[in-house]
Amino acid sequence: ACAITSIALDHQDMLGQTLGEIAYEKACIARPGVPLFVGALPAVALSEILRVAESCGAPVRRLGVDFGPPAFPVSLAGHHQTSNAALAVALAGGVASRRGCRLAPEAVREGFARTRSPGRMEPLAEDVLLDCAHNAEGAEKLVSALPQAPCRALVVSIVQGKDAVAMLATLCPHFDHIVITRSPSERSCVPEALAALVPHDDKAKLELVPEPHQAVTRARSLVAGSPHGLVVIAGSIFLIGAVRAHLLHEPVDPIPGSDPMPHL
């Protein structure tokens, strides 16, 4: 069995400039007779996936049509994780069925309760939340799942090639302070370039702190005077990786990552 969770504009230099083109690239995982499970998709993306699946003889199973939301609570924050969980259960059930096995409800319940996703709406302290939203769709989902807080600060870095304008327009209005920094990635935008893209109404909240760990420290100081203030770190998986390792005192891979990975 195989699955496609969602389709959004990202990695256009490799996948295509439109949702239809990107959906085609994703749909090419379809195989004859192998069930293809799909999540909630834009109409143009779904149409392309159905076309490709039909052409190769892959049966399609759709969220909301052929299977519904999970029957058990999900430990991950955000409504989108409920959709992801539904897709995961359907996918696992499809595999189990083809192998003549049964997907036990108690196993699903335990799995949902124990599931963790580092860097995805992950609280690292009472005042620090990580989310590696790194495109416009991810920014929208982050905003929809933001916990209530009397004062919020955003620490953000974005790599070149992303729709930084849309991301910042989505994120910035929901924060009292914005601290722009720079992740370790060689593709990370310089803070001054990102600052120029911040919506005019939010520029008064803006600070530039190029070193990520210092940026987090500064953001925490900005919300410290407010009970239950919150620092949200987002915009780049590279930023989340570096900050998470620093705050948890974890080792860092000596080989620098890239997006996409370089040919070694």
Protein backbone atom coordinates (compact mmCIF):
# COMPACT_ATOMS: atom_id res chain seq x y z
CA ALA A 1 0.00 0.00 0.00
CA CYS A 2 1.08 3.62 -0.43
CA ALA A 3 -0.24 7.03 0.57
CA ILE A 4 -0.18 10.74 -0.24
CA THR A 5 -0.91 12.93 2.76
CA SER A 6 -1.17 16.43 1.29
CA ILE A 7 -0.09 18.55 -1.66
CA ALA A 8 1.22 22.10 -1.38
CA LEU A 9 3.53 24.42 -3.27
CA ASP A 10 7.03 23.45 -2.18
CA HIS A 11 10.25 22.35 -3.89
CA GLN A 12 8.88 23.81 -7.13
CA ASP A 13 12.35 23.77 -8.69
CA MET A 14 12.20 19.96 -8.69
CA LEU A 15 8.49 19.07 -8.61
CA GLY A 16 6.78 21.70 -10.77
CA GLN A 17 5.27 25.16 -10.52
CA THR A 18 1.61 24.22 -10.02
CA LEU A 19 -0.32 21.96 -7.65
CA GLY A 20 -1.25 19.78 -10.62
CA GLU A 21 2.38 19.30 -11.66
CA ILE A 22 3.44 18.52 -8.10
CA ALA A 23 0.51 16.12 -7.69
CA TYR A 24 1.62 14.27 -10.82
CA GLU A 25 5.11 13.75 -9.40
CA LYS A 26 3.67 12.50 -6.11
CA ALA A 27 1.13 10.27 -7.87
CA CYS A 28 3.87 8.39 -9.68
CA ILE A 29 4.27 6.19 -6.58
CA ALA A 30 1.01 4.50 -7.71
CA ARG A 31 1.38 0.86 -8.80
CA PRO A 32 -1.05 -1.56 -10.51
CA GLY A 33 -3.32 -3.24 -7.98
CA VAL A 34 -1.69 -1.49 -5.00
CA PRO A 35 -4.14 0.61 -2.97
CA LEU A 36 -3.28 4.33 -2.88
CA PHE A 37 -4.62 6.14 0.20
CA VAL A 38 -4.97 9.92 -0.06
CA GLY A 39 -5.72 12.65 2.45
CA ALA A 40 -7.72 15.84 1.97
CA LEU A 41 -6.36 17.46 -1.20
CA PRO A 42 -7.09 20.52 -3.34
CA ALA A 43 -9.40 19.63 -6.23
CA VAL A 44 -6.76 20.16 -8.92
CA ALA A 45 -4.29 17.90 -7.09
CA LEU A 46 -6.87 15.19 -6.44
CA SER A 47 -7.95 15.21 -10.09
CA GLU A 48 -4.39 14.61 -11.26
CA ILE A 49 -3.80 11.84 -8.72
CA LEU A 50 -7.02 10.08 -9.73
CA ARG A 51 -6.02 10.34 -13.38
CA VAL A 52 -2.59 8.81 -12.80
CA ALA A 53 -3.96 6.10 -10.52
CA GLU A 54 -6.62 5.11 -13.06
CA SER A 55 -4.08 4.98 -15.87
CA CYS A 56 -1.95 2.44 -14.00
CA GLY A 57 -4.73 0.49 -12.31
CA ALA A 58 -4.16 1.59 -8.71
CA PRO A 59 -7.32 1.59 -6.54
CA VAL A 60 -7.71 4.89 -4.67
CA ARG A 61 -9.01 5.16 -1.11
CA ARG A 62 -9.95 8.72 -0.04
CA LEU A 63 -10.17 10.29 3.41
CA GLY A 64 -13.75 11.31 4.08
CA VAL A 65 -15.07 8.99 1.37
CA ASP A 66 -13.62 5.52 1.91
CA PHE A 67 -12.36 5.96 5.46
CA GLY A 68 -12.97 8.45 8.23
CA PRO A 69 -11.25 10.04 11.22
CA PRO A 70 -9.56 7.85 13.81
CA ALA A 71 -11.63 6.42 16.63
CA PHE A 72 -9.05 7.23 19.30
CA PRO A 73 -7.45 10.51 20.48
CA VAL A 74 -4.10 11.49 18.97
CA SER A 75 -1.25 12.70 21.19
CA LEU A 76 0.05 15.14 18.56
CA ALA A 77 -1.19 18.75 18.56
CA GLY A 78 -2.97 20.29 15.59
CA HIS A 79 -6.08 19.35 13.62
CA HIS A 80 -3.94 18.30 10.65
CA GLN A 81 -2.46 15.52 12.78
CA THR A 82 -5.92 13.99 13.10
CA SER A 83 -6.05 13.71 9.31
CA ASN A 84 -2.53 12.29 9.26
CA ALA A 85 -3.52 9.75 11.91
CA ALA A 86 -6.58 8.67 9.91
CA LEU A 87 -4.38 8.14 6.88
CA ALA A 88 -1.82 6.19 8.92
CA VAL A 89 -4.47 3.82 10.27
CA ALA A 90 -5.98 3.30 6.83
CA LEU A 91 -2.55 2.63 5.35
CA ALA A 92 -1.60 0.17 8.09
CA GLY A 93 -5.00 -1.50 7.81
CA GLY A 94 -4.54 -1.85 4.08
CA VAL A 95 -1.18 -3.53 4.52
CA ALA A 96 -2.53 -5.81 7.25
CA SER A 97 -5.47 -6.85 5.10
CA ARG A 98 -3.26 -7.72 2.13
CA ARG A 99 -1.09 -9.84 4.41
CA GLY A 100 -4.04 -11.61 5.98
CA CYS A 101 -3.54 -9.93 9.36
CA ARG A 102 -5.78 -7.91 11.67
CA LEU A 103 -5.00 -4.39 12.84
CA ALA A 104 -6.04 -4.57 16.48
CA PRO A 105 -7.92 -1.50 17.82
CA GLU A 106 -5.96 -1.68 21.10
CA ALA A 107 -2.71 -1.43 19.15
CA VAL A 108 -4.01 1.66 17.34
CA ARG A 109 -5.10 3.24 20.64
CA GLU A 110 -1.70 2.62 22.22
CA GLY A 111 0.13 3.81 19.12
CA PHE A 112 -1.74 7.11 19.06
CA ALA A 113 -1.11 7.65 22.77
CA ARG A 114 2.64 7.04 22.41
CA THR A 115 3.29 8.80 19.10
CA ARG A 116 5.85 11.60 19.21
CA SER A 117 7.05 13.85 16.40
CA PRO A 118 10.13 15.85 17.40
CA GLY A 119 10.07 19.41 16.12
CA ARG A 120 6.36 19.34 15.25
CA MET A 121 4.38 21.44 17.75
CA GLU A 122 6.85 20.17 20.34
CA PRO A 123 7.07 21.94 23.71
CA LEU A 124 10.64 21.91 25.02
CA ALA A 125 9.94 24.05 28.07
CA GLU A 126 7.02 25.96 29.54
CA ASP A 127 7.98 28.94 27.39
CA VAL A 128 9.39 27.27 24.24
CA LEU A 129 7.50 25.56 21.42
CA LEU A 130 9.15 24.14 18.28
CA ASP A 131 7.41 23.67 14.95
CA CYS A 132 9.30 23.09 11.73
CA ALA A 133 6.69 24.73 9.52
CA HIS A 134 8.82 25.57 6.50
CA ASN A 135 6.35 26.54 3.79
CA ALA A 136 3.14 28.56 3.50
CA GLU A 137 0.87 25.59 4.20
CA GLY A 138 2.90 24.66 7.29
CA ALA A 139 2.70 28.24 8.53
CA GLU A 140 -1.09 28.19 8.21
CA LYS A 141 -1.32 24.94 10.16
CA LEU A 142 0.99 26.29 12.86
CA VAL A 143 -1.13 29.42 13.28
CA SER A 144 -4.32 27.35 13.51
CA ALA A 145 -2.79 25.25 16.31
CA LEU A 146 -1.06 28.00 18.33
CA PRO A 147 -1.75 27.68 22.06
CA GLN A 148 -3.17 30.66 23.89
CA ALA A 149 -0.57 32.93 25.50
CA PRO A 150 -0.69 36.53 26.77
CA CYS A 151 2.57 37.30 24.99
CA ARG A 152 4.15 35.41 22.10
CA ALA A 153 7.54 35.82 20.41
CA LEU A 154 8.47 34.25 17.07
CA VAL A 155 12.02 33.15 16.29
CA VAL A 156 12.18 32.57 12.56
CA SER A 157 14.60 31.66 9.79
CA ILE A 158 13.66 30.70 6.23
CA VAL A 159 15.79 29.18 3.48
CA GLN A 160 16.00 30.57 -0.03
CA GLY A 161 13.46 29.19 -2.47
CA LYS A 162 10.55 29.21 -0.02
CA ASP A 163 7.62 31.62 -0.24
CA ALA A 164 8.93 33.76 2.60
CA VAL A 165 6.46 36.57 1.87
CA ALA A 166 3.46 34.28 2.37
CA MET A 167 4.99 32.60 5.41
CA LEU A 168 5.75 35.88 7.19
CA ALA A 169 2.38 37.37 6.26
CA THR A 170 0.72 34.34 7.87
CA LEU A 171 2.89 34.15 10.99
CA CYS A 172 3.78 37.69 12.02
CA PRO A 173 0.33 39.07 12.92
CA HIS A 174 -0.02 36.41 15.63
CA PHE A 175 3.07 37.45 17.59
CA ASP A 176 3.95 40.35 19.85
CA HIS A 177 7.67 40.09 19.03
CA ILE A 178 9.51 38.81 15.94
CA VAL A 179 13.16 37.79 16.17
CA ILE A 180 14.73 36.99 12.81
CA THR A 181 17.77 34.77 12.88
CA ARG A 182 19.74 32.54 10.49
CA SER A 183 19.83 28.74 10.56
CA PRO A 184 23.05 26.79 9.90
CA SER A 185 21.92 25.90 6.37
CA GLU A 186 23.97 27.33 3.52
CA ARG A 187 20.64 28.27 1.90
CA SER A 188 19.38 30.27 4.85
CA CYS A 189 18.26 33.80 4.01
CA VAL A 190 20.26 36.59 5.62
CA PRO A 191 18.20 38.25 8.39
CA GLU A 192 18.23 41.65 6.68
CA ALA A 193 16.62 40.14 3.56
CA LEU A 194 13.88 38.49 5.61
CA ALA A 195 13.30 41.67 7.61
CA ALA A 196 12.50 43.50 4.38
CA LEU A 197 9.69 40.99 3.73
CA VAL A 198 7.95 41.41 7.09
CA PRO A 199 4.54 43.09 6.62
CA HIS A 200 4.69 46.82 7.29
CA ASP A 201 2.24 46.65 10.21
CA ASP A 202 4.52 44.18 12.01
CA LYS A 203 7.90 45.87 11.53
CA ALA A 204 7.72 47.61 14.93
CA LYS A 205 7.89 44.18 16.59
CA LEU A 206 11.04 43.22 14.71
CA GLU A 207 14.55 42.43 15.93
CA LEU A 208 17.50 40.82 14.13
CA VAL A 209 19.70 38.37 16.04
CA PRO A 210 21.72 36.35 13.49
CA GLU A 211 23.00 33.64 15.87
CA PRO A 212 20.13 31.16 16.54
CA HIS A 213 20.87 30.37 20.19
CA GLN A 214 21.22 34.05 21.04
CA ALA A 215 17.97 34.70 19.17
CA VAL A 216 16.15 32.17 21.35
CA THR A 217 17.65 33.69 24.50
CA ARG A 218 16.54 37.15 23.38
CA ALA A 219 13.03 35.95 22.58
CA ARG A 220 12.69 34.28 25.97
CA SER A 221 13.70 37.53 27.65
CA LEU A 222 11.03 39.40 25.66
CA VAL A 223 8.21 37.20 26.99
CA ALA A 224 9.67 36.71 30.49
CA GLY A 225 7.74 39.63 31.94
CA SER A 226 4.41 38.06 31.02
CA PRO A 227 3.07 35.06 32.95
CA HIS A 228 2.88 32.07 30.60
CA GLY A 229 4.64 33.92 27.76
CA LEU A 230 5.58 31.73 24.82
CA VAL A 231 8.46 31.58 22.34
CA VAL A 232 7.66 29.79 19.08
CA ILE A 233 10.57 28.74 16.87
CA ALA A 234 9.62 28.03 13.26
CA GLY A 235 10.30 28.57 9.57
CA SER A 236 13.07 26.06 8.90
CA ILE A 237 13.78 22.45 9.75
CA PHE A 238 17.46 23.42 9.89
CA LEU A 239 16.70 26.03 12.54
CA ILE A 240 14.62 23.58 14.57
CA GLY A 241 17.33 20.93 14.40
CA ALA A 242 20.05 23.28 15.62
CA VAL A 243 17.98 24.85 18.41
CA ARG A 244 16.55 21.53 19.58
CA ALA A 245 19.99 19.94 19.85
CA HIS A 246 21.29 22.96 21.75
CA LEU A 247 18.42 23.12 24.24
CA LEU A 248 18.43 19.37 24.87
CA HIS A 249 22.25 19.10 24.89
CA GLU A 250 22.14 16.48 22.15
CA PRO A 251 24.98 15.69 19.74
CA VAL A 252 24.86 17.17 16.24
CA ASP A 253 25.64 15.18 13.11
CA PRO A 254 29.07 16.34 11.89
CA ILE A 255 27.93 16.10 8.26
CA PRO A 256 25.90 19.25 7.48
CA GLY A 257 22.51 18.63 5.95
CA SER A 258 21.16 20.34 2.87
CA ASP A 259 17.89 20.64 1.01
CA PRO A 260 18.08 18.70 -1.18
CA MET A 261 20.94 16.56 0.04
CA PRO A 262 24.16 17.13 -1.90
CA HIS A 263 25.69 14.39 -4.02
CA LEU A 264 28.49 12.95 -1.86
